[in-house]
Amino acid sequence: MSHSRRRPPRRSRFGIPPDDLWDYAALPKRRAGRPPKHDLSDWTVTDDWPERIPVTDAEVDVFEAWFGDLFDELFGPCR
């Protein structure tokens, strides 16, 4: 009969959770050491979408169903 080995309890890799769990927009603290491979501050974002984007009637219906109240608030009710 073989004896089963006891495994040590697993430890959380994430450490202590933050006090404010809603503060998800805060940037993580920089750690000492080597800089990241890609410095995101040098990146640029370009918009290569066409000027006009085709939209089907079904897609418009979905947006009106989900966001109709918001659209009415922003742009006024339909005439």
PDB file of N, CA and C in Angstrom:
ATOM      1  N   MET A   1       0.838  -1.175   0.000  1.00  0.00           N
ATOM      2  CA  MET A   1       0.000   0.000   0.000  1.00  0.00           C
ATOM      3  C   MET A   1       0.881   1.235   0.000  1.00  0.00           C
ATOM      4  N   SER A   2       0.595   2.162  -0.911  1.00  0.00           N
ATOM      5  CA  SER A   2       1.405   3.369  -0.998  1.00  0.00           C
ATOM      6  C   SER A   2       0.790   4.464  -0.134  1.00  0.00           C
ATOM      7  N   HIS A   3       1.638   5.266   0.383  1.00  0.00           N
ATOM      8  CA  HIS A   3       1.194   6.393   1.205  1.00  0.00           C
ATOM      9  C   HIS A   3       1.030   7.624   0.319  1.00  0.00           C
ATOM     10  N   SER A   4      -0.052   8.324   0.517  1.00  0.00           N
ATOM     11  CA  SER A   4      -0.255   9.538  -0.260  1.00  0.00           C
ATOM     12  C   SER A   4       0.512  10.683   0.391  1.00  0.00           C
ATOM     13  N   ARG A   5       1.109  11.470  -0.451  1.00  0.00           N
ATOM     14  CA  ARG A   5       1.866  12.617   0.050  1.00  0.00           C
ATOM     15  C   ARG A   5       0.923  13.791   0.236  1.00  0.00           C
ATOM     16  N   ARG A   6       1.150  14.529   1.290  1.00  0.00           N
ATOM     17  CA  ARG A   6       0.373  15.746   1.519  1.00  0.00           C
ATOM     18  C   ARG A   6       1.006  16.875   0.731  1.00  0.00           C
ATOM     19  N   ARG A   7       0.183  17.541  -0.042  1.00  0.00           N
ATOM     20  CA  ARG A   7       0.678  18.690  -0.795  1.00  0.00           C
ATOM     21  C   ARG A   7       0.571  19.934   0.069  1.00  0.00           C
ATOM     22  N   PRO A   8       1.516  20.834  -0.096  1.00  0.00           N
ATOM     23  CA  PRO A   8       1.390  22.100   0.642  1.00  0.00           C
ATOM     24  C   PRO A   8       0.205  22.882   0.069  1.00  0.00           C
ATOM     25  N   PRO A   9      -0.451  23.697   0.886  1.00  0.00           N
ATOM     26  CA  PRO A   9      -1.599  24.468   0.386  1.00  0.00           C
ATOM     27  C   PRO A   9      -1.159  25.435  -0.709  1.00  0.00           C
ATOM     28  N   ARG A  10      -2.026  25.610  -1.676  1.00  0.00           N
ATOM     29  CA  ARG A  10      -1.715  26.537  -2.761  1.00  0.00           C
ATOM     30  C   ARG A  10      -1.803  27.971  -2.257  1.00  0.00           C
ATOM     31  N   ARG A  11      -0.907  28.772  -2.750  1.00  0.00           N
ATOM     32  CA  ARG A  11      -0.899  30.178  -2.377  1.00  0.00           C
ATOM     33  C   ARG A  11      -1.428  30.995  -3.547  1.00  0.00           C
ATOM     34  N   SER A  12      -2.087  32.052  -3.225  1.00  0.00           N
ATOM     35  CA  SER A  12      -2.599  32.940  -4.258  1.00  0.00           C
ATOM     36  C   SER A  12      -1.438  33.681  -4.888  1.00  0.00           C
ATOM     37  N   ARG A  13      -1.421  33.717  -6.220  1.00  0.00           N
ATOM     38  CA  ARG A  13      -0.356  34.438  -6.921  1.00  0.00           C
ATOM     39  C   ARG A  13      -0.653  35.918  -7.002  1.00  0.00           C
ATOM     40  N   PHE A  14      -1.850  36.317  -6.646  1.00  0.00           N
ATOM     41  CA  PHE A  14      -2.247  37.693  -6.821  1.00  0.00           C
ATOM     42  C   PHE A  14      -1.972  38.552  -5.598  1.00  0.00           C
ATOM     43  N   GLY A  15      -1.649  37.972  -4.488  1.00  0.00           N
ATOM     44  CA  GLY A  15      -1.347  38.749  -3.302  1.00  0.00           C
ATOM     45  C   GLY A  15      -2.601  39.244  -2.616  1.00  0.00           C
ATOM     46  N   ILE A  16      -2.460  40.315  -1.884  1.00  0.00           N
ATOM     47  CA  ILE A  16      -3.568  40.875  -1.115  1.00  0.00           C
ATOM     48  C   ILE A  16      -4.468  41.669  -2.066  1.00  0.00           C
ATOM     49  N   PRO A  17      -5.793  41.449  -2.011  1.00  0.00           N
ATOM     50  CA  PRO A  17      -6.675  42.212  -2.897  1.00  0.00           C
ATOM     51  C   PRO A  17      -6.701  43.679  -2.496  1.00  0.00           C
ATOM     52  N   PRO A  18      -6.970  44.568  -3.442  1.00  0.00           N
ATOM     53  CA  PRO A  18      -7.009  46.000  -3.122  1.00  0.00           C
ATOM     54  C   PRO A  18      -8.200  46.323  -2.236  1.00  0.00           C
ATOM     55  N   ASP A  19      -8.088  47.439  -1.510  1.00  0.00           N
ATOM     56  CA  ASP A  19      -9.186  47.857  -0.645  1.00  0.00           C
ATOM     57  C   ASP A  19     -10.410  48.258  -1.457  1.00  0.00           C
ATOM     58  N   ASP A  20     -10.175  48.928  -2.569  1.00  0.00           N
ATOM     59  CA  ASP A  20     -11.266  49.409  -3.399  1.00  0.00           C
ATOM     60  C   ASP A  20     -11.336  48.553  -4.650  1.00  0.00           C
ATOM     61  N   LEU A  21     -12.252  47.596  -4.682  1.00  0.00           N
ATOM     62  CA  LEU A  21     -12.342  46.706  -5.826  1.00  0.00           C
ATOM     63  C   LEU A  21     -12.930  47.401  -7.046  1.00  0.00           C
ATOM     64  N   TRP A  22     -13.534  48.555  -6.875  1.00  0.00           N
ATOM     65  CA  TRP A  22     -14.099  49.289  -7.999  1.00  0.00           C
ATOM     66  C   TRP A  22     -13.047  50.147  -8.697  1.00  0.00           C
ATOM     67  N   ASP A  23     -11.862  50.230  -8.160  1.00  0.00           N
ATOM     68  CA  ASP A  23     -10.829  51.076  -8.727  1.00  0.00           C
ATOM     69  C   ASP A  23     -10.063  50.306  -9.807  1.00  0.00           C
ATOM     70  N   TYR A  24     -10.790  49.829 -10.805  1.00  0.00           N
ATOM     71  CA  TYR A  24     -10.176  49.033 -11.848  1.00  0.00           C
ATOM     72  C   TYR A  24      -9.479  49.895 -12.900  1.00  0.00           C
ATOM     73  N   ALA A  25      -9.734  51.184 -12.923  1.00  0.00           N
ATOM     74  CA  ALA A  25      -9.146  52.041 -13.942  1.00  0.00           C
ATOM     75  C   ALA A  25      -7.765  52.549 -13.535  1.00  0.00           C
ATOM     76  N   ALA A  26      -7.357  52.310 -12.322  1.00  0.00           N
ATOM     77  CA  ALA A  26      -6.051  52.801 -11.876  1.00  0.00           C
ATOM     78  C   ALA A  26      -4.945  52.001 -12.552  1.00  0.00           C
ATOM     79  N   LEU A  27      -3.890  52.697 -12.926  1.00  0.00           N
ATOM     80  CA  LEU A  27      -2.760  52.026 -13.543  1.00  0.00           C
ATOM     81  C   LEU A  27      -2.023  51.191 -12.503  1.00  0.00           C
ATOM     82  N   PRO A  28      -1.506  50.039 -12.891  1.00  0.00           N
ATOM     83  CA  PRO A  28      -0.744  49.241 -11.937  1.00  0.00           C
ATOM     84  C   PRO A  28       0.555  49.949 -11.580  1.00  0.00           C
ATOM     85  N   LYS A  29       1.028  49.708 -10.383  1.00  0.00           N
ATOM     86  CA  LYS A  29       2.268  50.333  -9.936  1.00  0.00           C
ATOM     87  C   LYS A  29       3.438  49.709 -10.701  1.00  0.00           C
ATOM     88  N   ARG A  30       4.374  50.557 -11.073  1.00  0.00           N
ATOM     89  CA  ARG A  30       5.536  50.073 -11.809  1.00  0.00           C
ATOM     90  C   ARG A  30       6.443  49.310 -10.870  1.00  0.00           C
ATOM     91  N   ARG A  31       6.931  48.218 -11.363  1.00  0.00           N
ATOM     92  CA  ARG A  31       7.850  47.409 -10.581  1.00  0.00           C
ATOM     93  C   ARG A  31       9.286  47.726 -10.999  1.00  0.00           C
ATOM     94  N   ALA A  32      10.184  47.637 -10.058  1.00  0.00           N
ATOM     95  CA  ALA A  32      11.593  47.870 -10.355  1.00  0.00           C
ATOM     96  C   ALA A  32      12.104  46.736 -11.229  1.00  0.00           C
ATOM     97  N   GLY A  33      13.061  47.034 -12.067  1.00  0.00           N
ATOM     98  CA  GLY A  33      13.637  45.996 -12.909  1.00  0.00           C
ATOM     99  C   GLY A  33      13.691  46.430 -14.357  1.00  0.00           C
ATOM    100  N   ARG A  34      13.749  45.454 -15.212  1.00  0.00           N
ATOM    101  CA  ARG A  34      13.866  45.709 -16.637  1.00  0.00           C
ATOM    102  C   ARG A  34      12.586  46.354 -17.185  1.00  0.00           C
ATOM    103  N   PRO A  35      12.700  47.318 -18.091  1.00  0.00           N
ATOM    104  CA  PRO A  35      11.499  47.934 -18.664  1.00  0.00           C
ATOM    105  C   PRO A  35      10.767  46.929 -19.554  1.00  0.00           C
ATOM    106  N   PRO A  36       9.488  47.176 -19.814  1.00  0.00           N
ATOM    107  CA  PRO A  36       8.747  46.252 -20.668  1.00  0.00           C
ATOM    108  C   PRO A  36       9.302  46.245 -22.089  1.00  0.00           C
ATOM    109  N   LYS A  37       9.039  45.169 -22.818  1.00  0.00           N
ATOM    110  CA  LYS A  37       9.552  45.052 -24.184  1.00  0.00           C
ATOM    111  C   LYS A  37       8.979  46.147 -25.081  1.00  0.00           C
ATOM    112  N   HIS A  38       7.703  46.450 -24.930  1.00  0.00           N
ATOM    113  CA  HIS A  38       7.057  47.451 -25.763  1.00  0.00           C
ATOM    114  C   HIS A  38       6.560  48.588 -24.872  1.00  0.00           C
ATOM    115  N   ASP A  39       7.111  49.749 -25.064  1.00  0.00           N
ATOM    116  CA  ASP A  39       6.675  50.909 -24.299  1.00  0.00           C
ATOM    117  C   ASP A  39       5.424  51.464 -24.964  1.00  0.00           C
ATOM    118  N   LEU A  40       4.264  51.337 -24.316  1.00  0.00           N
ATOM    119  CA  LEU A  40       2.994  51.722 -24.904  1.00  0.00           C
ATOM    120  C   LEU A  40       2.848  53.223 -25.089  1.00  0.00           C
ATOM    121  N   SER A  41       3.668  54.023 -24.432  1.00  0.00           N
ATOM    122  CA  SER A  41       3.550  55.474 -24.587  1.00  0.00           C
ATOM    123  C   SER A  41       3.994  55.932 -25.975  1.00  0.00           C
ATOM    124  N   ASP A  42       4.747  55.112 -26.695  1.00  0.00           N
ATOM    125  CA  ASP A  42       5.213  55.473 -28.031  1.00  0.00           C
ATOM    126  C   ASP A  42       4.261  54.995 -29.130  1.00  0.00           C
ATOM    127  N   TRP A  43       3.239  54.235 -28.797  1.00  0.00           N
ATOM    128  CA  TRP A  43       2.321  53.694 -29.794  1.00  0.00           C
ATOM    129  C   TRP A  43       1.374  54.781 -30.290  1.00  0.00           C
ATOM    130  N   THR A  44       0.953  54.648 -31.524  1.00  0.00           N
ATOM    131  CA  THR A  44      -0.059  55.534 -32.076  1.00  0.00           C
ATOM    132  C   THR A  44      -1.214  54.676 -32.594  1.00  0.00           C
ATOM    133  N   VAL A  45      -2.407  55.222 -32.507  1.00  0.00           N
ATOM    134  CA  VAL A  45      -3.601  54.529 -32.977  1.00  0.00           C
ATOM    135  C   VAL A  45      -4.100  55.256 -34.210  1.00  0.00           C
ATOM    136  N   THR A  46      -4.307  54.512 -35.281  1.00  0.00           N
ATOM    137  CA  THR A  46      -4.819  55.115 -36.503  1.00  0.00           C
ATOM    138  C   THR A  46      -6.181  54.516 -36.821  1.00  0.00           C
ATOM    139  N   ASP A  47      -7.018  55.324 -37.402  1.00  0.00           N
ATOM    140  CA  ASP A  47      -8.361  54.900 -37.787  1.00  0.00           C
ATOM    141  C   ASP A  47      -8.341  54.622 -39.283  1.00  0.00           C
ATOM    142  N   ASP A  48      -8.462  53.348 -39.641  1.00  0.00           N
ATOM    143  CA  ASP A  48      -8.464  53.009 -41.058  1.00  0.00           C
ATOM    144  C   ASP A  48      -9.833  52.502 -41.526  1.00  0.00           C
ATOM    145  N   TRP A  49     -10.880  52.869 -40.777  1.00  0.00           N
ATOM    146  CA  TRP A  49     -12.235  52.505 -41.188  1.00  0.00           C
ATOM    147  C   TRP A  49     -12.645  53.382 -42.359  1.00  0.00           C
ATOM    148  N   PRO A  50     -13.503  52.872 -43.221  1.00  0.00           N
ATOM    149  CA  PRO A  50     -13.990  53.706 -44.328  1.00  0.00           C
ATOM    150  C   PRO A  50     -14.905  54.814 -43.802  1.00  0.00           C
ATOM    151  N   GLU A  51     -15.105  55.825 -44.628  1.00  0.00           N
ATOM    152  CA  GLU A  51     -15.942  56.952 -44.225  1.00  0.00           C
ATOM    153  C   GLU A  51     -17.373  56.510 -43.949  1.00  0.00           C
ATOM    154  N   ARG A  52     -17.915  55.672 -44.810  1.00  0.00           N
ATOM    155  CA  ARG A  52     -19.281  55.154 -44.630  1.00  0.00           C
ATOM    156  C   ARG A  52     -19.203  53.648 -44.403  1.00  0.00           C
ATOM    157  N   ILE A  53     -19.915  53.187 -43.389  1.00  0.00           N
ATOM    158  CA  ILE A  53     -19.933  51.763 -43.046  1.00  0.00           C
ATOM    159  C   ILE A  53     -21.341  51.242 -43.294  1.00  0.00           C
ATOM    160  N   PRO A  54     -21.504  50.209 -44.114  1.00  0.00           N
ATOM    161  CA  PRO A  54     -22.842  49.689 -44.378  1.00  0.00           C
ATOM    162  C   PRO A  54     -23.428  49.010 -43.139  1.00  0.00           C
ATOM    163  N   VAL A  55     -24.710  49.279 -42.887  1.00  0.00           N
ATOM    164  CA  VAL A  55     -25.416  48.720 -41.741  1.00  0.00           C
ATOM    165  C   VAL A  55     -26.744  48.156 -42.240  1.00  0.00           C
ATOM    166  N   THR A  56     -27.098  46.961 -41.792  1.00  0.00           N
ATOM    167  CA  THR A  56     -28.355  46.348 -42.219  1.00  0.00           C
ATOM    168  C   THR A  56     -29.499  46.825 -41.328  1.00  0.00           C
ATOM    169  N   ASP A  57     -30.720  46.618 -41.803  1.00  0.00           N
ATOM    170  CA  ASP A  57     -31.901  46.978 -41.013  1.00  0.00           C
ATOM    171  C   ASP A  57     -31.969  46.171 -39.719  1.00  0.00           C
ATOM    172  N   ALA A  58     -31.545  44.915 -39.770  1.00  0.00           N
ATOM    173  CA  ALA A  58     -31.560  44.079 -38.564  1.00  0.00           C
ATOM    174  C   ALA A  58     -30.617  44.638 -37.505  1.00  0.00           C
ATOM    175  N   GLU A  59     -29.468  45.142 -37.910  1.00  0.00           N
ATOM    176  CA  GLU A  59     -28.531  45.727 -36.955  1.00  0.00           C
ATOM    177  C   GLU A  59     -29.108  46.994 -36.331  1.00  0.00           C
ATOM    178  N   VAL A  60     -29.782  47.808 -37.122  1.00  0.00           N
ATOM    179  CA  VAL A  60     -30.418  49.014 -36.591  1.00  0.00           C
ATOM    180  C   VAL A  60     -31.496  48.638 -35.586  1.00  0.00           C
ATOM    181  N   ASP A  61     -32.284  47.598 -35.890  1.00  0.00           N
ATOM    182  CA  ASP A  61     -33.330  47.146 -34.970  1.00  0.00           C
ATOM    183  C   ASP A  61     -32.754  46.701 -33.636  1.00  0.00           C
ATOM    184  N   VAL A  62     -31.629  46.018 -33.656  1.00  0.00           N
ATOM    185  CA  VAL A  62     -31.000  45.563 -32.408  1.00  0.00           C
ATOM    186  C   VAL A  62     -30.562  46.758 -31.569  1.00  0.00           C
ATOM    187  N   PHE A  63     -29.927  47.743 -32.194  1.00  0.00           N
ATOM    188  CA  PHE A  63     -29.485  48.920 -31.448  1.00  0.00           C
ATOM    189  C   PHE A  63     -30.668  49.703 -30.895  1.00  0.00           C
ATOM    190  N   GLU A  64     -31.736  49.815 -31.672  1.00  0.00           N
ATOM    191  CA  GLU A  64     -32.905  50.529 -31.181  1.00  0.00           C
ATOM    192  C   GLU A  64     -33.567  49.787 -30.029  1.00  0.00           C
ATOM    193  N   ALA A  65     -33.553  48.458 -30.085  1.00  0.00           N
ATOM    194  CA  ALA A  65     -34.162  47.678 -29.003  1.00  0.00           C
ATOM    195  C   ALA A  65     -33.383  47.836 -27.701  1.00  0.00           C
ATOM    196  N   TRP A  66     -32.063  47.821 -27.782  1.00  0.00           N
ATOM    197  CA  TRP A  66     -31.241  47.866 -26.570  1.00  0.00           C
ATOM    198  C   TRP A  66     -30.949  49.274 -26.097  1.00  0.00           C
ATOM    199  N   PHE A  67     -30.771  50.207 -27.020  1.00  0.00           N
ATOM    200  CA  PHE A  67     -30.328  51.547 -26.657  1.00  0.00           C
ATOM    201  C   PHE A  67     -31.342  52.625 -27.022  1.00  0.00           C
ATOM    202  N   GLY A  68     -32.571  52.242 -27.330  1.00  0.00           N
ATOM    203  CA  GLY A  68     -33.589  53.203 -27.749  1.00  0.00           C
ATOM    204  C   GLY A  68     -33.819  54.304 -26.734  1.00  0.00           C
ATOM    205  N   ASP A  69     -33.912  53.956 -25.447  1.00  0.00           N
ATOM    206  CA  ASP A  69     -34.120  54.964 -24.403  1.00  0.00           C
ATOM    207  C   ASP A  69     -32.955  55.949 -24.333  1.00  0.00           C
ATOM    208  N   LEU A  70     -31.756  55.434 -24.467  1.00  0.00           N
ATOM    209  CA  LEU A  70     -30.574  56.293 -24.439  1.00  0.00           C
ATOM    210  C   LEU A  70     -30.542  57.211 -25.660  1.00  0.00           C
ATOM    211  N   PHE A  71     -30.863  56.670 -26.828  1.00  0.00           N
ATOM    212  CA  PHE A  71     -30.891  57.491 -28.033  1.00  0.00           C
ATOM    213  C   PHE A  71     -31.940  58.593 -27.917  1.00  0.00           C
ATOM    214  N   ASP A  72     -33.121  58.257 -27.376  1.00  0.00           N
ATOM    215  CA  ASP A  72     -34.160  59.280 -27.194  1.00  0.00           C
ATOM    216  C   ASP A  72     -33.702  60.374 -26.246  1.00  0.00           C
ATOM    217  N   GLU A  73     -32.960  59.982 -25.217  1.00  0.00           N
ATOM    218  CA  GLU A  73     -32.467  60.966 -24.246  1.00  0.00           C
ATOM    219  C   GLU A  73     -31.405  61.876 -24.875  1.00  0.00           C
ATOM    220  N   LEU A  74     -30.549  61.286 -25.695  1.00  0.00           N
ATOM    221  CA  LEU A  74     -29.466  62.057 -26.307  1.00  0.00           C
ATOM    222  C   LEU A  74     -29.942  62.907 -27.485  1.00  0.00           C
ATOM    223  N   PHE A  75     -30.755  62.314 -28.365  1.00  0.00           N
ATOM    224  CA  PHE A  75     -31.107  62.959 -29.611  1.00  0.00           C
ATOM    225  C   PHE A  75     -32.564  63.417 -29.690  1.00  0.00           C
ATOM    226  N   GLY A  76     -33.360  63.094 -28.699  1.00  0.00           N
ATOM    227  CA  GLY A  76     -34.784  63.431 -28.728  1.00  0.00           C
ATOM    228  C   GLY A  76     -35.580  62.268 -29.317  1.00  0.00           C
ATOM    229  N   PRO A  77     -36.875  62.256 -29.062  1.00  0.00           N
ATOM    230  CA  PRO A  77     -37.699  61.150 -29.558  1.00  0.00           C
ATOM    231  C   PRO A  77     -37.826  61.187 -31.083  1.00  0.00           C
ATOM    232  N   CYS A  78     -38.179  60.040 -31.649  1.00  0.00           N
ATOM    233  CA  CYS A  78     -38.404  59.951 -33.109  1.00  0.00           C
ATOM    234  C   CYS A  78     -39.614  60.779 -33.497  1.00  0.00           C
ATOM    235  N   ARG A  79     -39.595  61.316 -34.683  1.00  0.00           N
ATOM    236  CA  ARG A  79     -40.725  62.121 -35.152  1.00  0.00           C
ATOM    237  C   ARG A  79     -41.561  61.352 -36.117  1.00  0.00           C
TER     238      ARG A  79
END
